[in-house]
Protein backbone atom coordinates (compact mmCIF):
# COMPACT_ATOMS: atom_id res chain seq x y z
CA MET A 1 76.36 -22.91 -27.71
CA ASP A 2 78.40 -22.88 -24.50
CA CYS A 3 78.10 -25.74 -22.03
CA PRO A 4 76.31 -24.62 -18.85
CA LYS A 5 78.65 -26.77 -16.71
CA CYS A 6 82.17 -26.29 -18.13
CA GLY A 7 81.69 -23.36 -20.52
CA THR A 8 83.11 -25.18 -23.55
CA TRP A 9 81.73 -24.16 -26.92
CA ASN A 10 79.70 -26.85 -28.71
CA PRO A 11 78.04 -26.77 -32.15
CA ASP A 12 74.28 -26.21 -32.08
CA ASP A 13 73.53 -29.69 -33.40
CA LYS A 14 75.17 -31.47 -30.42
CA ASP A 15 73.03 -32.92 -27.62
CA VAL A 16 75.86 -33.38 -25.06
CA CYS A 17 79.05 -31.47 -24.34
CA TRP A 18 82.05 -33.03 -26.04
CA ARG A 19 84.27 -32.30 -23.04
CA CYS A 20 82.21 -33.09 -19.91
CA GLN A 21 79.30 -35.08 -21.43
CA THR A 22 76.71 -32.83 -19.80
CA GLU A 23 73.39 -32.68 -21.64
CA LEU A 24 73.05 -29.37 -23.46
CA PRO A 25 69.83 -27.33 -23.44
CA LYS A 26 67.82 -27.43 -26.64
CA PRO A 27 68.03 -24.26 -28.74
CA LEU A 28 64.82 -22.25 -28.86
CA PRO A 29 63.05 -22.20 -32.22
CA GLU A 30 63.17 -18.88 -34.03
CA LYS A 31 59.98 -16.85 -33.85
CA LYS A 32 58.35 -15.90 -37.10
CA LYS A 33 57.49 -12.27 -37.56
CA THR A 34 53.78 -11.76 -37.70
CA ARG A 35 52.04 -8.82 -39.23
CA GLN A 36 50.27 -6.54 -36.85
CA THR A 37 46.54 -6.62 -37.40
CA PHE A 38 43.49 -5.16 -35.74
CA ALA A 39 40.09 -6.76 -36.31
CA GLY A 40 41.58 -8.83 -39.14
CA PHE A 41 42.90 -5.90 -41.17
CA PRO A 42 46.54 -4.76 -41.42
CA ILE A 43 47.41 -1.64 -39.44
CA TRP A 44 48.07 0.37 -42.62
CA VAL A 45 44.42 -0.07 -43.65
CA TRP A 46 43.24 1.49 -40.39
CA ILE A 47 45.72 4.34 -40.76
CA ALA A 48 44.41 5.01 -44.27
CA ILE A 49 40.80 4.98 -43.02
CA VAL A 50 41.58 7.41 -40.20
CA PHE A 51 43.47 9.70 -42.58
CA PHE A 52 40.56 9.64 -45.05
CA PHE A 53 37.98 10.56 -42.40
CA ALA A 54 40.23 13.25 -40.93
CA ALA A 55 40.79 14.81 -44.36
CA THR A 56 37.08 14.59 -45.16
CA SER A 57 36.12 16.19 -41.85
CA LEU A 58 38.61 19.02 -42.29
CA GLY A 59 37.37 19.54 -45.83
CA GLN A 60 33.78 19.78 -44.61
CA CYS A 61 34.78 22.36 -41.99
CA PHE A 62 36.49 24.58 -44.54
CA ILE A 63 33.73 24.23 -47.12
CA SER A 64 31.05 25.22 -44.64
CA GLN A 65 32.96 28.41 -43.77
CA VAL A 66 33.23 29.65 -47.37
CA PRO A 67 30.94 32.69 -47.77
CA THR A 68 28.24 32.28 -50.34
CA GLY A 69 27.01 35.18 -52.03
């Protein structure tokens, strides 16, 4: 991390700059990746449900148009 006052590089575990003794800002903790969910279910579940209903609806449309007889 670079010192905000003098620009000298300091290791991340240091609290003050080794050259000018200025207090260094604390490094931000890394964010954990979270899974995207909607109503408690993963997004892929909703995609599968939508695909199933779309395929079922299209199947019903084509079946109803088949001539009988």
